[in-house]
Protein backbone atom coordinates (compact mmCIF):
# COMPACT_ATOMS: atom_id res chain seq x y z
CA MET A 1 -33.06 -9.31 20.50
CA ASN A 2 -33.82 -12.77 20.87
CA ARG A 3 -36.88 -14.44 22.86
CA ALA A 4 -35.54 -13.93 26.85
CA GLY A 5 -34.99 -10.00 25.48
CA GLN A 6 -31.11 -10.36 25.09
CA GLN A 7 -29.11 -8.69 22.70
CA VAL A 8 -28.13 -11.13 19.61
CA GLN A 9 -24.76 -10.35 18.20
CA GLU A 10 -25.46 -10.69 14.01
CA THR A 11 -21.88 -11.90 12.43
CA VAL A 12 -23.07 -10.31 8.73
CA LEU A 13 -24.45 -6.84 8.30
CA VAL A 14 -26.62 -5.71 5.48
CA THR A 15 -25.83 -2.21 4.08
CA ASP A 16 -27.27 -0.53 1.08
CA GLY A 17 -25.70 2.14 -1.10
CA SER A 18 -25.37 3.81 -4.13
CA ILE A 19 -22.44 5.80 -5.79
CA GLN A 20 -23.46 8.01 -8.66
CA SER A 21 -21.46 7.42 -11.51
CA GLY A 22 -19.55 10.01 -13.53
CA MET A 23 -17.88 7.04 -15.85
CA LEU A 24 -21.62 5.38 -16.25
CA GLN A 25 -23.93 8.64 -16.17
CA ARG A 26 -26.51 6.83 -13.83
CA THR A 27 -27.21 6.27 -10.74
CA VAL A 28 -25.50 2.54 -9.26
CA TRP A 29 -27.18 0.37 -6.38
CA TYR A 30 -25.41 -1.90 -4.60
CA HIS A 31 -25.35 -3.49 -1.33
CA THR A 32 -23.60 -5.12 1.13
CA TYR A 33 -22.89 -8.57 3.69
CA ARG A 34 -20.25 -7.75 6.32
CA PRO A 35 -18.58 -9.49 8.81
CA GLN A 36 -18.78 -9.43 12.94
CA PRO A 37 -16.61 -7.97 14.22
CA PHE A 38 -15.11 -6.40 10.78
CA THR A 39 -11.09 -6.24 10.39
CA PRO A 40 -10.50 -3.82 7.93
CA ASP A 41 -6.79 -4.14 7.81
CA SER A 42 -7.31 -7.90 6.96
CA ILE A 43 -10.59 -8.41 4.86
CA SER A 44 -10.37 -9.14 1.14
CA LEU A 45 -13.48 -7.98 -1.33
CA LEU A 46 -15.26 -9.78 -3.64
CA LEU A 47 -17.86 -8.36 -6.58
CA LEU A 48 -20.44 -9.80 -7.57
CA TYR A 49 -23.02 -9.48 -10.18
CA ASP A 50 -26.70 -9.00 -11.27
CA GLY A 51 -26.48 -8.19 -6.90
CA GLN A 52 -30.00 -7.78 -7.13
CA GLU A 53 -30.56 -10.62 -8.14
CA LEU A 54 -29.81 -11.72 -4.03
CA LEU A 55 -32.46 -9.86 -2.03
CA THR A 56 -35.71 -12.42 -2.51
CA THR A 57 -33.43 -15.93 -1.98
CA PRO A 58 -31.83 -17.45 1.55
CA PHE A 59 -28.45 -16.22 -0.12
CA TYR A 60 -28.04 -13.78 3.37
CA GLN A 61 -29.19 -16.82 6.07
CA ARG A 62 -26.85 -18.73 3.75
CA LEU A 63 -23.96 -16.89 4.75
CA VAL A 64 -24.25 -16.10 8.08
CA ALA A 65 -24.92 -19.74 8.65
CA MET A 66 -21.20 -20.09 6.98
CA GLN A 67 -19.92 -16.54 9.36
CA ASP A 68 -21.86 -18.37 13.25
CA ALA A 69 -19.56 -21.63 11.98
CA GLY A 70 -16.64 -19.83 11.13
CA LEU A 71 -15.81 -21.28 8.12
CA LEU A 72 -15.11 -18.21 6.01
CA GLN A 73 -12.14 -15.51 6.44
CA PRO A 74 -12.80 -12.70 6.50
CA LEU A 75 -14.48 -11.57 3.24
CA LEU A 76 -16.94 -7.80 1.98
CA ILE A 77 -19.09 -9.09 -0.36
CA VAL A 78 -20.28 -6.06 -2.70
CA ALA A 79 -23.33 -6.98 -4.49
CA VAL A 80 -23.52 -4.96 -7.24
CA HIS A 81 -27.06 -4.23 -8.76
CA ALA A 82 -27.73 -3.85 -12.37
CA GLY A 83 -29.21 -1.34 -14.84
CA PRO A 84 -31.41 -1.10 -17.59
CA GLN A 85 -27.73 -0.67 -19.97
CA ARG A 86 -27.09 -4.29 -18.90
CA LEU A 87 -26.79 -5.77 -21.58
CA LEU A 88 -24.41 -2.52 -23.35
CA GLU A 89 -22.91 -2.75 -19.85
CA TYR A 90 -22.12 -6.00 -19.21
CA GLY A 91 -19.71 -7.74 -22.22
CA THR A 92 -16.30 -8.59 -23.24
CA ALA A 93 -14.61 -3.91 -23.24
CA GLY A 94 -13.64 -3.18 -26.00
CA VAL A 95 -14.92 -6.17 -27.85
CA PRO A 96 -18.62 -5.59 -28.46
CA ASP A 97 -20.99 -8.68 -29.61
CA TYR A 98 -22.58 -8.18 -33.04
CA ALA A 99 -25.14 -7.46 -31.91
CA GLY A 100 -23.23 -4.27 -30.00
CA ARG A 101 -24.07 -5.39 -26.67
CA GLY A 102 -21.55 -4.85 -24.29
CA VAL A 103 -20.36 -1.56 -26.23
CA ARG A 104 -20.36 0.33 -22.80
CA ALA A 105 -18.11 -2.77 -20.83
CA GLY A 106 -15.36 -0.73 -20.43
CA LEU A 107 -17.10 1.71 -19.39
CA HIS A 108 -18.52 -0.47 -16.87
CA HIS A 109 -14.92 -1.39 -16.58
CA ARG A 110 -13.63 2.47 -15.52
CA PHE A 111 -16.05 2.49 -13.20
CA VAL A 112 -16.06 -0.21 -10.47
CA LEU A 113 -11.79 0.38 -11.03
CA GLU A 114 -11.87 4.27 -10.56
CA GLU A 115 -14.88 5.09 -8.66
CA LEU A 116 -16.00 2.07 -6.95
CA VAL A 117 -12.93 1.08 -5.71
CA PRO A 118 -12.42 3.68 -3.69
CA GLU A 119 -15.68 4.53 -2.51
CA ILE A 120 -16.24 1.36 -0.77
CA LYS A 121 -12.80 1.21 0.58
CA GLN A 122 -13.21 5.04 2.05
CA GLN A 123 -17.02 3.62 2.85
CA PHE A 124 -15.69 1.03 4.91
CA GLY A 125 -11.90 2.35 5.94
CA VAL A 126 -9.93 -0.05 4.24
CA VAL A 127 -7.03 1.18 3.14
CA ALA A 128 -6.04 -1.77 0.82
CA PHE A 129 -8.05 -5.23 0.96
CA ASN A 130 -5.98 -8.40 1.27
CA SER A 131 -7.45 -9.23 -2.39
CA MET A 132 -10.06 -8.78 -4.69
CA ALA A 133 -12.45 -11.23 -6.63
CA VAL A 134 -15.72 -11.13 -9.57
CA ALA A 135 -17.96 -12.97 -9.80
CA GLY A 136 -21.98 -13.05 -11.33
CA PHE A 137 -24.09 -15.51 -13.53
CA SER A 138 -25.27 -15.25 -16.63
CA LEU A 139 -23.87 -12.57 -18.66
CA GLY A 140 -22.96 -11.23 -14.84
CA GLY A 141 -20.82 -14.28 -15.48
CA LEU A 142 -19.47 -13.27 -18.98
CA ALA A 143 -18.47 -9.28 -17.18
CA SER A 144 -16.28 -11.27 -14.36
CA LEU A 145 -13.89 -13.18 -16.16
CA SER A 146 -13.80 -9.82 -19.04
CA MET A 147 -13.01 -7.58 -16.08
CA ALA A 148 -10.42 -10.41 -14.47
CA TRP A 149 -9.14 -11.16 -17.29
CA SER A 150 -7.41 -7.69 -17.56
CA HIS A 151 -7.52 -6.46 -14.95
CA PRO A 152 -5.13 -9.41 -13.58
CA ASP A 153 -3.35 -6.88 -11.54
CA VAL A 154 -6.09 -6.39 -9.69
CA PHE A 155 -8.25 -9.10 -9.61
CA THR A 156 -7.27 -12.91 -8.32
CA THR A 157 -10.79 -15.29 -8.89
CA ALA A 158 -13.37 -14.92 -10.91
CA GLY A 159 -16.67 -17.03 -10.69
CA VAL A 160 -18.44 -17.88 -13.83
CA PHE A 161 -21.93 -19.00 -13.29
CA SER A 162 -22.99 -20.70 -16.03
CA GLY A 163 -21.08 -17.80 -17.83
CA SER A 164 -22.28 -16.30 -21.16
CA LEU A 165 -19.91 -17.64 -22.61
CA TRP A 166 -21.53 -18.14 -26.09
CA TRP A 167 -20.87 -14.12 -26.55
CA ARG A 168 -19.70 -14.04 -29.85
CA SER A 169 -18.44 -11.90 -33.34
CA LYS A 170 -20.91 -13.12 -36.02
CA ALA A 171 -23.94 -13.87 -35.68
CA LEU A 172 -24.99 -18.05 -36.15
CA ASP A 173 -26.79 -17.30 -39.54
CA THR A 174 -24.08 -15.26 -40.78
CA GLY A 175 -21.56 -17.77 -41.26
CA TYR A 176 -20.41 -18.66 -37.74
CA ASP A 177 -17.73 -20.47 -36.00
CA ASP A 178 -17.20 -21.91 -32.89
CA ASN A 179 -13.35 -21.55 -33.46
CA ARG A 180 -13.44 -18.53 -34.43
CA ASP A 181 -15.83 -16.07 -33.56
CA ARG A 182 -16.95 -16.27 -29.62
CA ILE A 183 -14.54 -13.68 -27.95
CA MET A 184 -14.14 -14.56 -25.19
CA HIS A 185 -12.63 -17.64 -26.50
CA GLN A 186 -10.48 -14.63 -28.96
CA LEU A 187 -9.12 -12.61 -26.62
CA VAL A 188 -7.76 -15.97 -23.73
CA ARG A 189 -5.71 -17.58 -26.80
CA LYS A 190 -4.78 -14.33 -27.68
CA GLY A 191 -3.79 -12.72 -24.11
CA THR A 192 -1.08 -14.19 -21.73
CA LYS A 193 -0.61 -16.43 -18.69
CA LYS A 194 -1.97 -13.41 -15.64
CA ALA A 195 0.28 -15.16 -12.44
CA GLU A 196 -2.42 -15.66 -9.94
CA LEU A 197 -5.38 -15.06 -11.50
CA ARG A 198 -8.00 -18.99 -10.44
CA PHE A 199 -11.46 -19.33 -11.80
CA TYR A 200 -14.44 -20.83 -10.97
CA PHE A 201 -16.54 -22.10 -13.23
CA THR A 202 -20.25 -24.07 -13.13
CA THR A 203 -23.06 -24.75 -15.36
CA GLY A 204 -25.73 -26.58 -15.04
CA SER A 205 -27.96 -29.86 -16.94
CA LEU A 206 -30.65 -27.78 -17.65
CA ASP A 207 -29.36 -24.48 -18.35
CA GLU A 208 -30.83 -24.36 -22.02
CA THR A 209 -31.85 -26.21 -24.79
CA ALA A 210 -29.71 -25.57 -26.85
CA ASP A 211 -26.94 -27.26 -29.45
CA ARG A 212 -25.73 -25.80 -31.81
CA ASN A 213 -22.86 -28.19 -33.25
CA GLY A 214 -25.09 -30.62 -32.40
CA ASN A 215 -23.05 -33.04 -30.54
CA GLY A 216 -25.41 -33.89 -27.78
CA ILE A 217 -24.19 -31.80 -25.09
CA ILE A 218 -25.96 -28.17 -24.52
CA ASP A 219 -24.42 -25.19 -25.62
CA SER A 220 -23.55 -23.56 -21.86
CA ILE A 221 -20.97 -26.09 -21.22
CA ASP A 222 -19.68 -27.10 -23.93
CA ASP A 223 -17.96 -22.67 -24.18
CA THR A 224 -17.05 -23.78 -20.46
CA LEU A 225 -14.58 -26.37 -21.15
CA ASP A 226 -13.70 -24.94 -24.30
CA LEU A 227 -12.84 -22.58 -22.82
CA ILE A 228 -11.01 -24.47 -20.01
CA LYS A 229 -8.78 -25.26 -22.38
CA GLU A 230 -8.39 -22.04 -23.79
CA LEU A 231 -6.76 -21.33 -20.80
CA LYS A 232 -5.48 -24.21 -20.56
CA ALA A 233 -3.21 -23.55 -23.35
CA LYS A 234 -1.94 -20.76 -21.75
CA GLY A 235 -0.68 -22.82 -18.85
CA TYR A 236 -3.59 -22.97 -16.09
CA GLU A 237 -4.30 -26.64 -14.40
CA GLU A 238 -7.25 -27.60 -13.71
CA GLY A 239 -7.53 -28.19 -9.14
CA ALA A 240 -4.74 -25.34 -9.00
CA ASP A 241 -6.11 -23.00 -10.99
CA ILE A 242 -9.23 -23.92 -12.57
CA PHE A 243 -11.94 -25.37 -10.42
CA TYR A 244 -15.57 -26.82 -12.85
CA LYS A 245 -18.33 -28.32 -11.90
CA ASN A 246 -21.76 -29.27 -13.60
CA TYR A 247 -24.92 -29.97 -11.47
CA GLU A 248 -26.82 -32.19 -13.64
CA ASP A 249 -31.01 -30.00 -12.04
CA GLY A 250 -29.10 -27.28 -12.68
CA ARG A 251 -30.98 -24.51 -13.61
CA HIS A 252 -30.87 -21.24 -15.05
CA ASP A 253 -31.89 -19.25 -12.03
CA ILE A 254 -31.10 -17.51 -9.26
CA ASP A 255 -32.26 -20.66 -6.77
CA THR A 256 -30.03 -23.00 -8.06
CA TRP A 257 -26.85 -20.45 -8.99
CA VAL A 258 -28.07 -18.87 -4.84
CA ARG A 259 -27.44 -22.69 -3.93
CA LEU A 260 -24.42 -22.96 -5.31
CA LEU A 261 -23.08 -19.80 -3.71
CA PRO A 262 -21.56 -21.44 -0.57
CA GLU A 263 -19.47 -23.95 -2.70
CA PHE A 264 -17.91 -21.02 -4.66
CA LEU A 265 -17.10 -18.67 -1.11
CA LEU A 266 -15.57 -21.58 1.18
CA TRP A 267 -12.99 -22.98 -2.54
CA GLY A 268 -11.93 -19.99 -2.43
CA TRP A 269 -12.02 -17.61 1.40
CA GLY A 270 -12.28 -21.43 3.48
CA ARG A 271 -10.42 -21.27 6.68
CA SER A 272 -8.45 -24.01 6.90
CA SER A 273 -9.25 -26.88 9.11
CA ASP A 274 -5.75 -26.95 10.52
């Protein structure tokens, strides 16, 4: 109700949910942002990793403002909460890092494809989504890229916010080499171009201070630019298939990423001004 006692139509409904995963052997929590009106026969899906981080931010208010202004195409956002084994479930499927992190990433892929997406379809009466995308922050960004790259028949878009693209197969003090040991870079290099797949990358100049190779560029930016080079070598084009932006005031925190999310949503699902 508003102050005059009139009914106010909400343009975004938030729903909490959970699913008992046989793949992960735990309860996975999530919450959804559902546009109103909701049209199950013409809606797209965005999975957001580390979705629990959104609950204490103004993301909902910003999404409502965009929805109220009619800026977005129909989009169902499912914010997937990370669990206690985040470092094992997120990462690059089939290729754990040098410390064994990401060893359950393949199971996480199966959870999403075989359990979560069918559950979301059933819950909201969707037979098929117009498109499906996955995005995330930090390690969730790496997990998103791995998911989309591994399943291009399912996902059309990967959003990577300050992604953990340093994920490596060898420790820095055991003969590590940028050109050989960054896992996601190698997966792209050894793979083939996936038609219709698009990539959205952001970094922040204040993400970190680490600079492995001493070139004056922090690793977060270096790793992202090098990953983009690998994608371009496969035939992807910056602008058409790849978006990248570094924010000089960007930090490695949820406040920065939530501030950047609206631009990502407009890039992926903005309504044409025609």
